[in-house]
Protein backbone atom coordinates (compact mmCIF):
# COMPACT_ATOMS: atom_id res chain seq x y z
CA MET A 1 126.79 69.29 -171.34
CA GLU A 2 129.29 67.83 -173.26
CA MET A 3 132.27 67.18 -170.54
CA LYS A 4 129.17 66.54 -168.32
CA GLU A 5 128.18 63.23 -170.62
CA GLU A 6 131.81 61.85 -170.31
CA GLN A 7 132.46 62.44 -166.90
CA GLU A 8 128.87 60.77 -166.01
CA LYS A 9 130.37 57.91 -167.93
CA GLN A 10 133.65 57.66 -166.38
CA GLN A 11 132.16 57.48 -163.01
CA PRO A 12 131.41 53.75 -163.47
CA GLU A 13 134.95 53.00 -164.72
CA ARG A 14 136.43 54.69 -162.02
CA SER A 15 134.12 53.40 -158.91
CA GLU A 16 134.33 49.99 -159.99
CA SER A 17 137.65 50.19 -160.17
CA ASN A 18 138.04 51.34 -157.34
CA ARG A 19 136.45 48.24 -155.64
CA ILE A 20 139.19 46.10 -156.81
CA PHE A 21 142.15 47.53 -156.41
CA PRO A 22 140.70 47.62 -152.90
CA GLN A 23 140.60 44.26 -152.71
CA LYS A 24 143.65 43.09 -153.76
CA ARG A 25 145.63 45.50 -151.09
CA SER A 26 143.07 44.29 -148.77
CA ARG A 27 144.42 40.10 -149.11
CA LEU A 28 147.96 41.58 -150.43
CA SER A 29 148.26 42.63 -146.61
CA GLN A 30 146.53 39.92 -145.39
CA ILE A 31 148.98 37.52 -146.48
CA LEU A 32 151.75 40.63 -145.33
CA ALA A 33 150.07 39.97 -141.22
CA ALA A 34 150.34 36.43 -141.42
CA ILE A 35 154.03 36.46 -143.02
CA LEU A 36 154.81 38.88 -139.48
CA VAL A 37 152.49 37.03 -137.16
CA ASN A 38 154.31 33.91 -137.80
CA ALA A 39 157.23 34.70 -139.21
CA LEU A 40 159.59 37.22 -138.64
CA TYR A 41 158.18 38.01 -135.73
CA GLU A 42 159.60 34.35 -134.14
CA MET A 43 163.25 35.03 -136.29
CA ARG A 44 163.26 37.89 -134.87
CA ASN A 45 162.25 37.20 -131.09
CA TYR A 46 163.06 34.11 -130.67
CA PRO A 47 166.59 33.34 -132.89
CA ILE A 48 167.07 30.02 -131.10
CA VAL A 49 164.31 28.35 -133.29
CA LEU A 50 165.82 28.57 -136.80
CA ILE A 51 168.84 26.20 -135.48
CA ASN A 52 166.54 23.76 -135.18
CA THR A 53 164.62 24.82 -138.79
CA VAL A 54 167.99 24.25 -139.43
CA LEU A 55 169.42 21.16 -138.14
CA SER A 56 166.18 18.58 -139.12
CA PRO A 57 166.82 18.10 -142.71
CA LEU A 58 171.42 18.47 -142.56
CA SER A 59 171.36 16.45 -139.28
CA PHE A 60 169.82 13.62 -141.19
CA LEU A 61 172.32 14.22 -143.91
CA ALA A 62 174.81 14.08 -141.80
CA LEU A 63 173.99 10.82 -140.95
CA ILE A 64 173.18 9.29 -144.76
CA PHE A 65 176.55 10.93 -145.63
CA PHE A 66 178.63 9.49 -143.05
CA VAL A 67 176.91 5.75 -142.78
CA SER A 68 177.39 5.62 -146.94
CA ARG A 69 180.74 7.13 -146.74
CA GLY A 70 179.79 10.30 -149.23
CA THR A 71 178.38 7.51 -152.12
CA LEU A 72 174.71 9.20 -150.90
CA ILE A 73 175.22 12.97 -150.60
CA LYS A 74 173.64 13.20 -154.31
CA GLU A 75 170.97 11.60 -152.59
CA ALA A 76 170.77 12.89 -149.01
CA ILE A 77 171.14 16.70 -149.86
CA GLU A 78 167.64 15.95 -151.90
CA GLY A 79 166.21 14.70 -149.87
CA GLY A 80 167.06 17.35 -147.08
CA PHE A 81 164.86 20.01 -150.15
CA ILE A 82 161.86 17.39 -149.35
CA MET A 83 162.11 17.21 -145.96
CA SER A 84 162.06 21.09 -145.30
CA MET A 85 159.21 21.83 -147.59
CA PHE A 86 157.27 18.64 -146.22
CA GLY A 87 158.70 20.08 -142.63
CA ALA A 88 156.78 23.71 -143.52
CA GLY A 89 153.72 22.51 -144.41
CA THR A 90 152.97 19.94 -141.48
CA SER A 91 154.24 22.95 -139.06
CA LEU A 92 150.93 24.72 -140.18
CA GLN A 93 149.44 22.50 -139.10
CA SER A 94 151.02 23.36 -135.14
CA ASP A 95 151.45 26.42 -135.89
CA LEU A 96 146.83 26.95 -136.93
CA SER A 97 145.99 24.92 -134.00
CA HIS A 98 148.12 27.48 -131.42
CA LEU A 99 146.62 30.66 -133.08
CA LYS A 100 143.11 28.97 -133.67
CA ASN A 101 143.23 27.66 -129.37
CA ASP A 102 145.27 29.62 -127.54
CA PHE A 103 144.68 33.07 -129.55
CA LYS A 104 141.23 32.50 -131.03
CA LEU A 105 142.19 33.95 -134.14
CA GLN A 106 140.48 31.60 -136.61
CA ASP A 107 137.20 33.00 -134.81
CA MET A 108 138.12 37.01 -135.15
CA VAL A 109 139.94 35.65 -139.21
CA VAL A 110 136.14 33.92 -139.61
CA SER A 111 133.93 37.30 -138.60
CA SER A 112 135.73 39.03 -140.74
CA PRO A 113 135.75 39.37 -145.22
CA THR A 114 138.90 36.45 -144.69
CA SER A 115 138.31 33.79 -146.70
CA TRP A 116 139.81 30.44 -145.84
CA GLN A 117 142.10 30.49 -148.83
CA ILE A 118 143.50 33.88 -148.58
CA TYR A 119 144.12 32.98 -144.95
CA LEU A 120 146.28 29.52 -145.39
CA MET A 121 147.88 31.44 -147.99
CA GLY A 122 149.53 33.70 -145.75
CA MET A 123 150.06 31.25 -143.26
CA ALA A 124 151.75 28.82 -145.91
CA ILE A 125 154.05 31.52 -147.31
CA SER A 126 155.43 32.37 -144.32
CA GLU A 127 155.67 28.84 -143.43
CA LEU A 128 158.55 29.23 -146.57
CA VAL A 129 160.10 32.66 -145.28
CA TYR A 130 160.31 30.53 -141.74
CA SER A 131 162.28 28.08 -143.82
CA LEU A 132 164.37 29.85 -146.06
CA PRO A 133 167.58 29.37 -144.38
CA ALA A 134 167.25 25.39 -144.26
CA LEU A 135 167.11 25.98 -148.04
CA ILE A 136 169.46 28.46 -148.60
CA VAL A 137 171.97 26.21 -146.70
CA LEU A 138 170.53 23.01 -148.79
CA GLY A 139 170.89 25.14 -152.47
CA ILE A 140 174.22 26.21 -151.74
CA LEU A 141 174.85 22.34 -150.93
CA GLU A 142 172.93 21.54 -154.45
CA ALA A 143 174.32 24.08 -156.26
CA TYR A 144 178.04 22.49 -155.74
CA TYR A 145 177.28 18.74 -155.53
CA VAL A 146 174.73 17.75 -157.77
CA GLN A 147 174.07 20.89 -160.35
CA MET A 148 171.70 21.18 -162.42
CA SER A 149 170.56 21.93 -165.53
CA ALA A 150 168.29 24.57 -165.99
CA PHE A 151 165.75 21.93 -167.32
CA ALA A 152 166.51 19.76 -164.46
CA LEU A 153 166.20 22.45 -162.02
CA LEU A 154 162.89 23.57 -163.23
CA GLY A 155 161.75 19.79 -162.84
CA PHE A 156 163.00 19.70 -159.27
CA ILE A 157 161.44 22.91 -157.60
CA ALA A 158 158.16 21.62 -159.27
CA VAL A 159 158.04 18.05 -157.54
CA LEU A 160 159.07 20.37 -154.07
CA LEU A 161 156.20 22.46 -154.93
CA MET A 162 153.97 20.03 -154.86
CA MET A 163 155.38 18.78 -151.74
CA PHE A 164 154.70 21.39 -149.98
CA LEU A 165 151.32 21.52 -151.40
CA THR A 166 150.40 17.94 -149.86
CA SER A 167 151.94 18.87 -146.96
CA ILE A 168 149.57 22.25 -146.22
CA ASP A 169 146.31 19.81 -146.85
CA ILE A 170 147.79 17.67 -144.52
CA GLY A 171 148.14 20.14 -141.52
CA TYR A 172 145.88 22.32 -142.60
CA THR A 173 143.18 19.85 -142.52
CA PHE A 174 144.89 18.26 -139.12
CA ALA A 175 144.71 21.98 -137.07
CA THR A 176 141.16 22.41 -138.10
CA PHE A 177 140.18 19.37 -135.89
CA SER A 178 142.71 19.51 -133.56
CA SER A 179 141.67 21.36 -130.23
CA ASP A 180 145.06 21.27 -127.89
CA ILE A 181 148.72 22.15 -129.18
CA VAL A 182 149.93 19.15 -127.30
CA GLN A 183 147.69 16.57 -129.51
CA SER A 184 148.18 19.16 -132.79
CA PHE A 185 152.26 18.58 -132.00
CA ALA A 186 152.18 14.65 -131.33
CA PHE A 187 149.88 14.81 -134.90
CA SER A 188 152.87 17.08 -136.90
CA ARG A 189 155.73 14.40 -135.04
CA LEU A 190 153.28 11.12 -136.29
CA ILE A 191 153.35 13.17 -140.51
CA SER A 192 156.62 14.19 -139.78
CA THR A 193 157.87 10.57 -139.30
CA LEU A 194 154.91 8.66 -141.50
CA PHE A 195 155.88 10.88 -144.01
CA SER A 196 159.50 11.49 -144.39
CA THR A 197 161.15 9.77 -142.18
CA ILE A 198 160.61 5.94 -142.54
CA PRO A 199 160.11 6.68 -146.98
CA PRO A 200 163.13 6.44 -148.80
CA VAL A 201 163.51 9.97 -148.48
CA TYR A 202 167.08 9.93 -148.12
CA TYR A 203 168.90 6.65 -150.75
CA PRO A 204 166.77 5.07 -153.28
CA ILE A 205 164.54 2.91 -152.68
CA THR A 206 166.43 -0.10 -154.12
CA TYR A 207 168.56 -0.02 -150.39
CA ILE A 208 164.49 -1.27 -149.39
CA PRO A 209 164.26 -4.93 -149.66
CA ASN A 210 161.40 -5.94 -152.21
CA PRO A 211 159.08 -7.43 -149.44
CA TYR A 212 159.23 -4.36 -147.82
CA ARG A 213 158.92 -2.41 -150.31
CA TYR A 214 155.67 -1.73 -151.26
CA LEU A 215 154.13 -0.34 -148.49
CA ALA A 216 156.24 2.78 -148.60
CA TYR A 217 154.96 3.28 -151.82
CA LEU A 218 151.72 4.04 -150.03
CA SER A 219 153.37 7.38 -149.24
CA PRO A 220 153.51 9.78 -151.33
CA THR A 221 156.89 11.23 -150.41
CA THR A 222 158.78 8.37 -152.02
CA TYR A 223 157.25 9.61 -155.73
CA SER A 224 158.70 12.73 -154.88
CA ALA A 225 161.94 11.89 -154.20
CA GLN A 226 162.28 9.46 -157.07
CA LEU A 227 161.91 11.97 -159.49
CA ALA A 228 164.13 14.43 -157.28
CA GLN A 229 167.11 11.46 -157.80
CA ASN A 230 166.16 10.96 -161.42
CA LEU A 231 166.33 14.96 -162.05
CA GLY A 232 169.64 14.91 -159.91
CA GLY A 233 171.41 12.29 -162.26
CA SER A 234 171.23 10.11 -159.59
CA ILE A 235 168.77 6.63 -161.07
CA SER A 236 167.32 6.32 -163.96
CA LEU A 237 164.14 5.80 -164.73
CA PRO A 238 162.23 4.84 -168.17
CA PHE A 239 159.76 7.53 -168.75
CA GLU A 240 156.53 4.50 -167.84
CA SER A 241 157.79 5.47 -164.31
CA ILE A 242 158.48 9.33 -164.22
CA ALA A 243 155.33 9.54 -165.70
CA ILE A 244 153.71 7.27 -163.24
CA ASP A 245 154.64 8.77 -160.21
CA TRP A 246 154.24 12.54 -161.43
CA ILE A 247 150.46 11.10 -162.27
CA ILE A 248 150.31 10.28 -158.29
CA LEU A 249 151.48 13.02 -156.82
CA ILE A 250 149.63 15.33 -158.62
CA ALA A 251 146.07 12.71 -157.83
CA VAL A 252 147.70 12.58 -153.74
CA THR A 253 147.63 16.33 -153.66
CA ALA A 254 144.19 17.20 -155.47
CA THR A 255 142.83 14.46 -153.20
CA LEU A 256 144.09 16.21 -150.18
CA PHE A 257 143.30 19.72 -151.22
CA LEU A 258 139.33 18.40 -151.58
CA ILE A 259 139.31 16.80 -148.10
CA ALA A 260 141.15 19.77 -146.33
CA SER A 261 138.53 22.57 -148.90
CA ARG A 262 135.41 19.86 -147.45
CA LYS A 263 135.88 18.31 -144.84
CA ALA A 264 137.84 20.84 -142.58
CA ARG A 265 136.63 22.90 -140.34
CA TRP A 266 137.30 26.40 -141.02
CA ARG A 267 133.75 27.39 -139.18
CA GLU A 268 132.48 26.25 -134.68
CA ILE A 269 129.44 24.06 -135.82
């Protein structure tokens, strides 16, 4: 009798654990599926696409290097990182739009137990995997030319993650409203130009004349570039400017996340 009572007491605990662990395994499998579909499949079957991933940030880096005769190599490398992370997030927009409109994948995910947060997380990680070749090359250049301290490196990684989250919020929101892959590519190019090409990402903001400098501050990539350049030793910012840059970057990321979570059309009406 006592053994039966102990077994009955253990049964609720086992059933509870059985409900929790399958959920975790299910979420992990959903994330891995997104990485497989959106990154590993293309990288294996179409390796030519990796060339574009590597050349996009390195082309601007090489241009700045030759024009400045090597004086802006640190800023160019840090800008390459920012462009790669921001480009990975904005690429999410065209990939999500392609899967939603051409393969109707979003409709299938909506009808499944998968939440939009898990779906977005898996797709976002897949974009990072897709960008690994460029990040590895930039990492080698960063270690050779910049040589950050451990503390500065952690701050630099935090800046890149904030930039990645910002671009994911933008990409996801536009993807849910995009109705055609051509329209999606147009949005993607426009976002990349406005946020990672025109702003002073590859060079200090002091190179922009004062009347136009205020326009650069409309882009969150300007603040991330200033923080990265300060951490890399290219420029020296006072504590007040560093705090303001972080506050603005965090506020922009949080605001865009709220917009993405409330205004993005996950389910078709």
